[in-house]
Protein backbone atom coordinates (compact mmCIF):
# COMPACT_ATOMS: atom_id res chain seq x y z
CA MET A 1 -22.77 -2.92 37.36
CA PRO A 2 -25.87 -1.01 38.52
CA GLU A 3 -29.22 -2.54 37.60
CA ILE A 4 -31.67 0.07 36.34
CA GLU A 5 -35.29 -0.02 35.26
CA ILE A 6 -36.34 2.61 32.72
CA TYR A 7 -39.90 3.36 31.65
CA THR A 8 -40.47 5.69 28.68
CA ASP A 9 -43.29 7.21 26.67
CA GLY A 10 -43.92 9.92 24.11
CA ALA A 11 -47.04 11.86 23.20
CA CYS A 12 -48.09 14.32 20.53
CA SER A 13 -51.06 16.66 20.16
CA GLY A 14 -51.54 16.35 16.44
CA ASN A 15 -48.96 14.45 14.44
CA PRO A 16 -47.02 16.55 13.75
CA GLY A 17 -47.83 18.92 16.56
CA ALA A 18 -46.77 19.83 20.06
CA GLY A 19 -45.19 16.85 21.75
CA GLY A 20 -43.85 15.61 25.03
CA TRP A 21 -41.85 12.74 26.44
CA GLY A 22 -41.46 11.22 29.88
CA ALA A 23 -39.15 8.74 31.55
CA ILE A 24 -38.75 7.12 34.94
CA LEU A 25 -35.35 5.75 35.97
CA ARG A 26 -35.31 3.39 38.95
CA CYS A 27 -32.38 1.87 40.80
CA GLY A 28 -33.65 -0.09 43.79
CA THR A 29 -35.82 2.32 45.76
CA VAL A 30 -34.39 5.46 44.15
CA GLU A 31 -36.37 7.00 41.30
CA LYS A 32 -35.85 9.94 38.98
CA GLU A 33 -38.47 11.39 36.62
CA LEU A 34 -37.49 13.20 33.44
CA SER A 35 -39.69 14.96 30.90
CA GLY A 36 -39.58 17.52 28.14
CA GLY A 37 -41.10 18.38 24.82
CA GLU A 38 -41.08 20.35 21.59
CA LYS A 39 -43.47 22.75 19.89
CA ASP A 40 -43.43 20.98 16.51
CA THR A 41 -42.65 17.28 16.43
CA THR A 42 -44.10 13.80 15.91
CA ASN A 43 -45.12 11.02 18.25
CA ASN A 44 -42.30 8.77 17.01
CA ARG A 45 -39.71 11.48 17.66
CA MET A 46 -41.01 11.87 21.21
CA GLU A 47 -40.92 8.10 21.81
CA LEU A 48 -37.28 8.03 20.67
CA THR A 49 -36.39 11.15 22.63
CA ALA A 50 -37.74 9.65 25.85
CA VAL A 51 -35.39 6.68 25.51
CA ILE A 52 -32.44 8.85 24.46
CA GLU A 53 -32.84 11.29 27.34
CA ALA A 54 -33.21 8.48 29.86
CA LEU A 55 -30.01 6.82 28.64
CA LYS A 56 -28.16 10.16 28.54
CA ALA A 57 -29.01 10.65 32.24
CA LEU A 58 -26.93 7.60 33.23
CA LYS A 59 -23.39 8.37 34.35
CA LYS A 60 -21.84 4.94 33.79
CA GLU A 61 -22.44 1.59 32.15
CA CYS A 62 -25.56 -0.09 33.49
CA SER A 63 -27.58 -3.24 33.15
CA ILE A 64 -30.97 -1.91 32.07
CA THR A 65 -34.44 -3.26 31.67
CA LEU A 66 -36.16 -0.72 29.45
CA TYR A 67 -39.94 -0.67 29.16
CA THR A 68 -41.70 1.04 26.25
CA ASP A 69 -45.15 0.90 24.71
CA SER A 70 -43.76 1.96 21.32
CA ARG A 71 -43.64 -0.74 18.65
CA TYR A 72 -41.69 1.78 16.55
CA VAL A 73 -38.89 1.88 19.13
CA MET A 74 -39.01 -1.87 19.81
CA ASP A 75 -39.02 -2.92 16.17
CA GLY A 76 -36.46 -0.28 15.24
CA ILE A 77 -33.99 -1.45 17.87
CA ASN A 78 -34.58 -5.18 17.59
CA GLN A 79 -35.28 -5.63 13.88
CA TRP A 80 -34.58 -2.67 11.62
CA LEU A 81 -31.44 -1.03 13.06
CA PRO A 82 -28.87 -3.60 11.87
CA ASN A 83 -30.20 -3.41 8.29
CA TRP A 84 -30.38 0.38 8.35
CA LYS A 85 -26.75 0.55 9.40
CA SER A 86 -25.62 -1.96 6.77
CA ASN A 87 -27.62 0.02 4.15
CA ASN A 88 -25.87 3.27 5.15
CA TRP A 89 -28.97 4.48 7.05
CA ARG A 90 -31.34 3.74 4.19
CA THR A 91 -34.54 1.71 4.37
CA THR A 92 -34.79 -1.77 2.91
CA ASN A 93 -35.28 -0.39 -0.61
CA LYS A 94 -31.87 1.30 -0.15
CA LYS A 95 -33.25 4.49 -1.70
CA SER A 96 -35.13 6.27 1.08
CA PRO A 97 -33.27 7.63 4.09
CA VAL A 98 -34.40 6.33 7.46
CA LYS A 99 -36.92 8.66 9.11
CA ASN A 100 -35.65 10.27 12.30
CA ILE A 101 -32.09 9.28 11.39
CA ASP A 102 -30.61 11.84 13.80
CA LEU A 103 -32.38 10.22 16.75
CA TRP A 104 -31.74 6.65 15.65
CA GLN A 105 -28.02 7.39 15.35
CA GLN A 106 -27.97 8.93 18.84
CA LEU A 107 -29.85 5.96 20.23
CA ASP A 108 -27.50 3.53 18.49
CA THR A 109 -24.51 5.18 20.18
CA LEU A 110 -26.15 5.24 23.61
CA VAL A 111 -27.36 1.64 23.42
CA SER A 112 -23.81 0.44 22.77
CA GLN A 113 -22.74 1.83 26.16
CA HIS A 114 -25.07 -0.39 28.20
CA GLN A 115 -26.52 -3.87 28.50
CA ILE A 116 -30.20 -3.44 27.71
CA LYS A 117 -33.12 -5.83 27.87
CA TRP A 118 -36.04 -4.33 25.91
CA VAL A 119 -39.57 -5.00 27.15
CA TRP A 120 -42.72 -3.94 25.31
CA VAL A 121 -45.76 -3.11 27.45
CA LYS A 122 -49.24 -2.45 26.14
CA GLY A 123 -50.00 1.26 26.48
CA HIS A 124 -53.07 2.56 28.32
CA ASN A 125 -53.55 -0.81 29.96
CA GLY A 126 -53.12 0.01 33.64
CA HIS A 127 -49.35 -0.61 33.91
CA PRO A 128 -48.51 1.84 36.76
CA GLU A 129 -45.17 3.12 35.49
CA ASN A 130 -46.37 3.28 31.89
CA GLU A 131 -49.35 5.34 33.03
CA ARG A 132 -46.99 7.67 34.93
CA VAL A 133 -44.69 8.28 31.96
CA ASP A 134 -47.72 8.73 29.73
CA THR A 135 -48.94 11.46 32.09
CA LEU A 136 -45.51 13.12 32.08
CA ALA A 137 -45.44 13.07 28.28
CA ARG A 138 -49.02 14.31 27.85
CA ASN A 139 -48.47 17.15 30.33
CA GLN A 140 -45.40 18.29 28.42
CA ALA A 141 -47.27 18.06 25.10
CA LYS A 142 -50.04 20.20 26.60
CA ASN A 143 -47.50 22.79 27.78
CA PHE A 144 -45.85 22.93 24.38
CA CYS A 145 -49.25 23.04 22.66
CA GLU A 146 -50.02 26.21 24.61
CA LEU A 147 -46.65 27.65 23.55
CA ARG A 148 -47.26 26.65 19.94
CA ASN A 149 -50.55 28.50 19.92
CA THR A 150 -48.90 31.79 20.79
CA ASP A 151 -47.56 33.89 17.96
CA PHE A 152 -44.90 35.66 19.97
CA LEU A 153 -42.62 32.69 20.81
C-alpha cells in the first residue's frame, strides 16, 4: 500500500467571505500541489475542502499521514464524528443539524477508503509544508476575493 503524506490548509477573507484551500500530496520524492476556492464560504468549509480534495485525488487505498492546523477538522474526525453519525448527523443536543454536514459526510466516506494517521500542527509556526499550503490557500482566497468584488460574475 502506498505511503502518502498530505498537508492541508484553508483560508478565508472575512468569515464568511472569499476563501481558498491548499494541499500538498507527497509520495517519496514525488509531490503534487492542489488548490482552489469559492467566492462565498467560511474558513471551516475551506479546511474541510482541502482534506476532501486531497483524498479525492488518490486513485487507490493508501496509508496516509495527514497534517492539518485545523482543530475543527481534527476534533471533528477524532471526537465528534462518531456521535454525529449515531445522532443522525445532529449535534450532541440531538436538535441542531451538524454544520457543514455535506462536507463531513463526504469526508466520512473518503476516510473509510484509507488508513489515516491524523497529525495536528500549529499554524503559522514555521512548519515548511504548512506554510506552503497556507500560501496556496491565501492566494486562492485573494483570487476569489477579487472575483467576489466584481458585480458581473
